[in-house]
PDB file of N, CA and C in Angstrom:
ATOM      1  N   MET A   1      71.719 -37.679  93.040  1.00  0.00           N
ATOM      2  CA  MET A   1      70.384 -38.138  92.753  1.00  0.00           C
ATOM      3  C   MET A   1      69.717 -38.553  94.059  1.00  0.00           C
ATOM      4  N   LEU A   2      68.836 -37.766  94.547  1.00  0.00           N
ATOM      5  CA  LEU A   2      68.074 -38.037  95.760  1.00  0.00           C
ATOM      6  C   LEU A   2      68.956 -38.246  96.984  1.00  0.00           C
ATOM      7  N   GLY A   3      70.175 -37.742  96.966  1.00  0.00           N
ATOM      8  CA  GLY A   3      71.060 -37.860  98.116  1.00  0.00           C
ATOM      9  C   GLY A   3      71.774 -39.192  98.229  1.00  0.00           C
ATOM     10  N   PHE A   4      71.702 -40.035  97.196  1.00  0.00           N
ATOM     11  CA  PHE A   4      72.395 -41.317  97.205  1.00  0.00           C
ATOM     12  C   PHE A   4      73.576 -41.262  96.252  1.00  0.00           C
ATOM     13  N   SER A   5      74.677 -41.881  96.650  1.00  0.00           N
ATOM     14  CA  SER A   5      75.805 -41.978  95.725  1.00  0.00           C
ATOM     15  C   SER A   5      75.593 -43.197  94.830  1.00  0.00           C
ATOM     16  N   THR A   6      76.383 -43.279  93.785  1.00  0.00           N
ATOM     17  CA  THR A   6      76.284 -44.413  92.869  1.00  0.00           C
ATOM     18  C   THR A   6      76.600 -45.719  93.590  1.00  0.00           C
ATOM     19  N   GLY A   7      77.597 -45.692  94.446  1.00  0.00           N
ATOM     20  CA  GLY A   7      77.962 -46.888  95.195  1.00  0.00           C
ATOM     21  C   GLY A   7      76.829 -47.376  96.089  1.00  0.00           C
ATOM     22  N   GLN A   8      76.147 -46.448  96.739  1.00  0.00           N
ATOM     23  CA  GLN A   8      75.027 -46.815  97.597  1.00  0.00           C
ATOM     24  C   GLN A   8      73.893 -47.440  96.789  1.00  0.00           C
ATOM     25  N   LEU A   9      73.622 -46.873  95.622  1.00  0.00           N
ATOM     26  CA  LEU A   9      72.570 -47.430  94.774  1.00  0.00           C
ATOM     27  C   LEU A   9      72.923 -48.842  94.309  1.00  0.00           C
ATOM     28  N   VAL A  10      74.187 -49.067  93.975  1.00  0.00           N
ATOM     29  CA  VAL A  10      74.617 -50.395  93.545  1.00  0.00           C
ATOM     30  C   VAL A  10      74.431 -51.401  94.676  1.00  0.00           C
ATOM     31  N   VAL A  11      74.802 -51.022  95.882  1.00  0.00           N
ATOM     32  CA  VAL A  11      74.649 -51.925  97.034  1.00  0.00           C
ATOM     33  C   VAL A  11      73.174 -52.215  97.289  1.00  0.00           C
ATOM     34  N   ILE A  12      72.338 -51.192  97.237  1.00  0.00           N
ATOM     35  CA  ILE A  12      70.899 -51.381  97.463  1.00  0.00           C
ATOM     36  C   ILE A  12      70.302 -52.293  96.395  1.00  0.00           C
ATOM     37  N   LEU A  13      70.634 -52.040  95.134  1.00  0.00           N
ATOM     38  CA  LEU A  13      70.114 -52.886  94.057  1.00  0.00           C
ATOM     39  C   LEU A  13      70.623 -54.311  94.174  1.00  0.00           C
ATOM     40  N   GLY A  14      71.876 -54.469  94.577  1.00  0.00           N
ATOM     41  CA  GLY A  14      72.430 -55.817  94.777  1.00  0.00           C
ATOM     42  C   GLY A  14      71.703 -56.559  95.878  1.00  0.00           C
ATOM     43  N   ALA A  15      71.430 -55.879  96.988  1.00  0.00           N
ATOM     44  CA  ALA A  15      70.712 -56.506  98.095  1.00  0.00           C
ATOM     45  C   ALA A  15      69.287 -56.873  97.687  1.00  0.00           C
ATOM     46  N   CYS A  16      68.640 -55.998  96.930  1.00  0.00           N
ATOM     47  CA  CYS A  16      67.274 -56.290  96.463  1.00  0.00           C
ATOM     48  C   CYS A  16      67.275 -57.482  95.515  1.00  0.00           C
ATOM     49  N   SER A  17      68.279 -57.569  94.660  1.00  0.00           N
ATOM     50  CA  SER A  17      68.314 -58.678  93.704  1.00  0.00           C
ATOM     51  C   SER A  17      68.515 -60.016  94.407  1.00  0.00           C
ATOM     52  N   LEU A  18      69.182 -60.011  95.548  1.00  0.00           N
ATOM     53  CA  LEU A  18      69.362 -61.254  96.300  1.00  0.00           C
ATOM     54  C   LEU A  18      68.052 -61.734  96.908  1.00  0.00           C
ATOM     55  N   MET A  19      67.130 -60.824  97.182  1.00  0.00           N
ATOM     56  CA  MET A  19      65.866 -61.183  97.813  1.00  0.00           C
ATOM     57  C   MET A  19      64.774 -61.550  96.810  1.00  0.00           C
ATOM     58  N   MET A  20      64.997 -61.269  95.525  1.00  0.00           N
ATOM     59  CA  MET A  20      63.971 -61.529  94.519  1.00  0.00           C
ATOM     60  C   MET A  20      64.118 -62.915  93.914  1.00  0.00           C
ATOM     61  N   LYS A  21      62.987 -63.395  93.407  1.00  0.00           N
ATOM     62  CA  LYS A  21      63.008 -64.643  92.655  1.00  0.00           C
ATOM     63  C   LYS A  21      63.552 -64.374  91.267  1.00  0.00           C
ATOM     64  N   ARG A  22      64.044 -65.418  90.649  1.00  0.00           N
ATOM     65  CA  ARG A  22      64.590 -65.290  89.304  1.00  0.00           C
ATOM     66  C   ARG A  22      63.519 -64.812  88.314  1.00  0.00           C
ATOM     67  N   SER A  23      62.312 -65.338  88.434  1.00  0.00           N
ATOM     68  CA  SER A  23      61.237 -64.958  87.510  1.00  0.00           C
ATOM     69  C   SER A  23      60.858 -63.479  87.673  1.00  0.00           C
ATOM     70  N   ASP A  24      60.909 -62.979  88.901  1.00  0.00           N
ATOM     71  CA  ASP A  24      60.624 -61.560  89.134  1.00  0.00           C
ATOM     72  C   ASP A  24      61.687 -60.680  88.487  1.00  0.00           C
ATOM     73  N   MET A  25      62.926 -61.107  88.585  1.00  0.00           N
ATOM     74  CA  MET A  25      64.016 -60.320  87.993  1.00  0.00           C
ATOM     75  C   MET A  25      63.877 -60.272  86.477  1.00  0.00           C
ATOM     76  N   ILE A  26      63.449 -61.373  85.881  1.00  0.00           N
ATOM     77  CA  ILE A  26      63.257 -61.407  84.431  1.00  0.00           C
ATOM     78  C   ILE A  26      62.143 -60.446  84.031  1.00  0.00           C
ATOM     79  N   LYS A  27      61.047 -60.429  84.778  1.00  0.00           N
ATOM     80  CA  LYS A  27      59.940 -59.518  84.483  1.00  0.00           C
ATOM     81  C   LYS A  27      60.374 -58.065  84.625  1.00  0.00           C
ATOM     82  N   ILE A  28      61.113 -57.784  85.683  1.00  0.00           N
ATOM     83  CA  ILE A  28      61.586 -56.416  85.913  1.00  0.00           C
ATOM     84  C   ILE A  28      62.525 -55.977  84.800  1.00  0.00           C
ATOM     85  N   ALA A  29      63.423 -56.861  84.393  1.00  0.00           N
ATOM     86  CA  ALA A  29      64.357 -56.527  83.315  1.00  0.00           C
ATOM     87  C   ALA A  29      63.616 -56.286  82.004  1.00  0.00           C
ATOM     88  N   ARG A  30      62.580 -57.081  81.738  1.00  0.00           N
ATOM     89  CA  ARG A  30      61.797 -56.916  80.515  1.00  0.00           C
ATOM     90  C   ARG A  30      61.088 -55.567  80.510  1.00  0.00           C
ATOM     91  N   VAL A  31      60.477 -55.220  81.632  1.00  0.00           N
ATOM     92  CA  VAL A  31      59.773 -53.937  81.733  1.00  0.00           C
ATOM     93  C   VAL A  31      60.762 -52.772  81.626  1.00  0.00           C
ATOM     94  N   ALA A  32      61.903 -52.906  82.290  1.00  0.00           N
ATOM     95  CA  ALA A  32      62.917 -51.844  82.235  1.00  0.00           C
ATOM     96  C   ALA A  32      63.427 -51.659  80.803  1.00  0.00           C
ATOM     97  N   GLY A  33      63.629 -52.752  80.092  1.00  0.00           N
ATOM     98  CA  GLY A  33      64.060 -52.664  78.694  1.00  0.00           C
ATOM     99  C   GLY A  33      63.021 -52.009  77.812  1.00  0.00           C
ATOM    100  N   ARG A  34      61.767 -52.368  78.038  1.00  0.00           N
ATOM    101  CA  ARG A  34      60.680 -51.776  77.261  1.00  0.00           C
ATOM    102  C   ARG A  34      60.589 -50.271  77.526  1.00  0.00           C
ATOM    103  N   MET A  35      60.695 -49.886  78.791  1.00  0.00           N
ATOM    104  CA  MET A  35      60.615 -48.462  79.143  1.00  0.00           C
ATOM    105  C   MET A  35      61.796 -47.692  78.557  1.00  0.00           C
ATOM    106  N   THR A  36      62.975 -48.303  78.577  1.00  0.00           N
ATOM    107  CA  THR A  36      64.152 -47.660  78.004  1.00  0.00           C
ATOM    108  C   THR A  36      63.975 -47.462  76.505  1.00  0.00           C
ATOM    109  N   GLY A  37      63.458 -48.479  75.829  1.00  0.00           N
ATOM    110  CA  GLY A  37      63.210 -48.364  74.390  1.00  0.00           C
ATOM    111  C   GLY A  37      62.224 -47.260  74.058  1.00  0.00           C
ATOM    112  N   ARG A  38      61.165 -47.169  74.844  1.00  0.00           N
ATOM    113  CA  ARG A  38      60.192 -46.100  74.610  1.00  0.00           C
ATOM    114  C   ARG A  38      60.798 -44.727  74.846  1.00  0.00           C
ATOM    115  N   ALA A  39      61.619 -44.615  75.880  1.00  0.00           N
ATOM    116  CA  ALA A  39      62.259 -43.324  76.172  1.00  0.00           C
ATOM    117  C   ALA A  39      63.197 -42.924  75.037  1.00  0.00           C
ATOM    118  N   VAL A  40      63.944 -43.875  74.514  1.00  0.00           N
ATOM    119  CA  VAL A  40      64.851 -43.581  73.398  1.00  0.00           C
ATOM    120  C   VAL A  40      64.045 -43.155  72.172  1.00  0.00           C
ATOM    121  N   GLY A  41      62.944 -43.841  71.917  1.00  0.00           N
ATOM    122  CA  GLY A  41      62.092 -43.467  70.787  1.00  0.00           C
ATOM    123  C   GLY A  41      61.538 -42.064  70.917  1.00  0.00           C
ATOM    124  N   ARG A  42      61.115 -41.716  72.115  1.00  0.00           N
ATOM    125  CA  ARG A  42      60.586 -40.358  72.338  1.00  0.00           C
ATOM    126  C   ARG A  42      61.683 -39.307  72.181  1.00  0.00           C
ATOM    127  N   LEU A  43      62.878 -39.610  72.652  1.00  0.00           N
ATOM    128  CA  LEU A  43      63.992 -38.674  72.497  1.00  0.00           C
ATOM    129  C   LEU A  43      64.349 -38.483  71.029  1.00  0.00           C
ATOM    130  N   MET A  44      64.320 -39.569  70.264  1.00  0.00           N
ATOM    131  CA  MET A  44      64.620 -39.455  68.828  1.00  0.00           C
ATOM    132  C   MET A  44      63.555 -38.619  68.122  1.00  0.00           C
ATOM    133  N   LEU A  45      62.289 -38.811  68.480  1.00  0.00           N
ATOM    134  CA  LEU A  45      61.206 -38.018  67.901  1.00  0.00           C
ATOM    135  C   LEU A  45      61.372 -36.548  68.261  1.00  0.00           C
ATOM    136  N   PHE A  46      61.679 -36.259  69.522  1.00  0.00           N
ATOM    137  CA  PHE A  46      61.884 -34.882  69.959  1.00  0.00           C
ATOM    138  C   PHE A  46      63.028 -34.237  69.187  1.00  0.00           C
ATOM    139  N   ARG A  47      64.120 -34.981  69.016  1.00  0.00           N
ATOM    140  CA  ARG A  47      65.275 -34.436  68.295  1.00  0.00           C
ATOM    141  C   ARG A  47      64.916 -34.140  66.835  1.00  0.00           C
ATOM    142  N   ARG A  48      64.176 -35.053  66.202  1.00  0.00           N
ATOM    143  CA  ARG A  48      63.755 -34.834  64.818  1.00  0.00           C
ATOM    144  C   ARG A  48      62.890 -33.584  64.705  1.00  0.00           C
ATOM    145  N   GLN A  49      61.955 -33.427  65.642  1.00  0.00           N
ATOM    146  CA  GLN A  49      61.073 -32.261  65.615  1.00  0.00           C
ATOM    147  C   GLN A  49      61.863 -30.975  65.840  1.00  0.00           C
ATOM    148  N   MET A  50      62.812 -31.010  66.760  1.00  0.00           N
ATOM    149  CA  MET A  50      63.630 -29.818  67.007  1.00  0.00           C
ATOM    150  C   MET A  50      64.478 -29.475  65.789  1.00  0.00           C
ATOM    151  N   ASP A  51      65.019 -30.486  65.114  1.00  0.00           N
ATOM    152  CA  ASP A  51      65.791 -30.233  63.899  1.00  0.00           C
ATOM    153  C   ASP A  51      64.938 -29.569  62.826  1.00  0.00           C
ATOM    154  N   GLU A  52      63.690 -30.033  62.680  1.00  0.00           N
ATOM    155  CA  GLU A  52      62.789 -29.426  61.706  1.00  0.00           C
ATOM    156  C   GLU A  52      62.494 -27.972  62.052  1.00  0.00           C
ATOM    157  N   ILE A  53      62.247 -27.701  63.322  1.00  0.00           N
ATOM    158  CA  ILE A  53      61.966 -26.333  63.760  1.00  0.00           C
ATOM    159  C   ILE A  53      63.171 -25.435  63.504  1.00  0.00           C
ATOM    160  N   LEU A  54      64.367 -25.926  63.830  1.00  0.00           N
ATOM    161  CA  LEU A  54      65.569 -25.126  63.620  1.00  0.00           C
ATOM    162  C   LEU A  54      65.827 -24.884  62.139  1.00  0.00           C
ATOM    163  N   GLU A  55      65.547 -25.878  61.293  1.00  0.00           N
ATOM    164  CA  GLU A  55      65.713 -25.693  59.850  1.00  0.00           C
ATOM    165  C   GLU A  55      64.740 -24.641  59.334  1.00  0.00           C
ATOM    166  N   GLN A  56      63.492 -24.677  59.807  1.00  0.00           N
ATOM    167  CA  GLN A  56      62.496 -23.699  59.382  1.00  0.00           C
ATOM    168  C   GLN A  56      62.905 -22.301  59.832  1.00  0.00           C
ATOM    169  N   THR A  57      63.410 -22.190  61.055  1.00  0.00           N
ATOM    170  CA  THR A  57      63.835 -20.898  61.573  1.00  0.00           C
ATOM    171  C   THR A  57      65.012 -20.359  60.769  1.00  0.00           C
ATOM    172  N   ALA A  58      65.962 -21.229  60.452  1.00  0.00           N
ATOM    173  CA  ALA A  58      67.121 -20.805  59.666  1.00  0.00           C
ATOM    174  C   ALA A  58      66.688 -20.382  58.268  1.00  0.00           C
ATOM    175  N   ALA A  59      65.724 -21.099  57.685  1.00  0.00           N
ATOM    176  CA  ALA A  59      65.233 -20.739  56.356  1.00  0.00           C
ATOM    177  C   ALA A  59      64.528 -19.387  56.395  1.00  0.00           C
ATOM    178  N   LYS A  60      63.756 -19.125  57.446  1.00  0.00           N
ATOM    179  CA  LYS A  60      63.064 -17.830  57.564  1.00  0.00           C
ATOM    180  C   LYS A  60      64.067 -16.698  57.711  1.00  0.00           C
ATOM    181  N   GLN A  61      65.111 -16.932  58.498  1.00  0.00           N
ATOM    182  CA  GLN A  61      66.124 -15.897  58.690  1.00  0.00           C
ATOM    183  C   GLN A  61      66.848 -15.604  57.378  1.00  0.00           C
ATOM    184  N   ALA A  62      67.151 -16.642  56.604  1.00  0.00           N
ATOM    185  CA  ALA A  62      67.812 -16.453  55.311  1.00  0.00           C
ATOM    186  C   ALA A  62      66.893 -15.690  54.362  1.00  0.00           C
ATOM    187  N   LEU A  63      65.610 -15.988  54.393  1.00  0.00           N
ATOM    188  CA  LEU A  63      64.654 -15.292  53.528  1.00  0.00           C
ATOM    189  C   LEU A  63      64.540 -13.823  53.908  1.00  0.00           C
ATOM    190  N   VAL A  64      64.543 -13.517  55.182  1.00  0.00           N
ATOM    191  CA  VAL A  64      64.478 -12.133  55.632  1.00  0.00           C
ATOM    192  C   VAL A  64      65.718 -11.371  55.185  1.00  0.00           C
ATOM    193  N   LYS A  65      66.871 -12.020  55.263  1.00  0.00           N
ATOM    194  CA  LYS A  65      68.115 -11.368  54.811  1.00  0.00           C
ATOM    195  C   LYS A  65      68.093 -11.100  53.320  1.00  0.00           C
ATOM    196  N   LEU A  66      67.515 -12.004  52.556  1.00  0.00           N
ATOM    197  CA  LEU A  66      67.441 -11.822  51.113  1.00  0.00           C
ATOM    198  C   LEU A  66      66.520 -10.668  50.733  1.00  0.00           C
ATOM    199  N   HIS A  67      65.428 -10.501  51.476  1.00  0.00           N
ATOM    200  CA  HIS A  67      64.468  -9.451  51.174  1.00  0.00           C
ATOM    201  C   HIS A  67      64.923  -8.082  51.662  1.00  0.00           C
ATOM    202  N   SER A  68      65.882  -8.020  52.567  1.00  0.00           N
ATOM    203  CA  SER A  68      66.299  -6.706  53.056  1.00  0.00           C
ATOM    204  C   SER A  68      67.548  -6.211  52.403  1.00  0.00           C
TER     205      SER A  68
END
């Protein structure tokens, strides 16, 4: 990911957290949690829509087989 290893990212995040105020960290964590929740919601919606499309496609294929 962008040329950084996981260990390097952990060290960078650890160093940044030492320089931040406690209140800033709470705000950042709240925003990160909110963004994660929205991303999960969008992924669930996408999966539901894809399942519907695949079901419709499978139903059309079954109907074509029945008519031929």
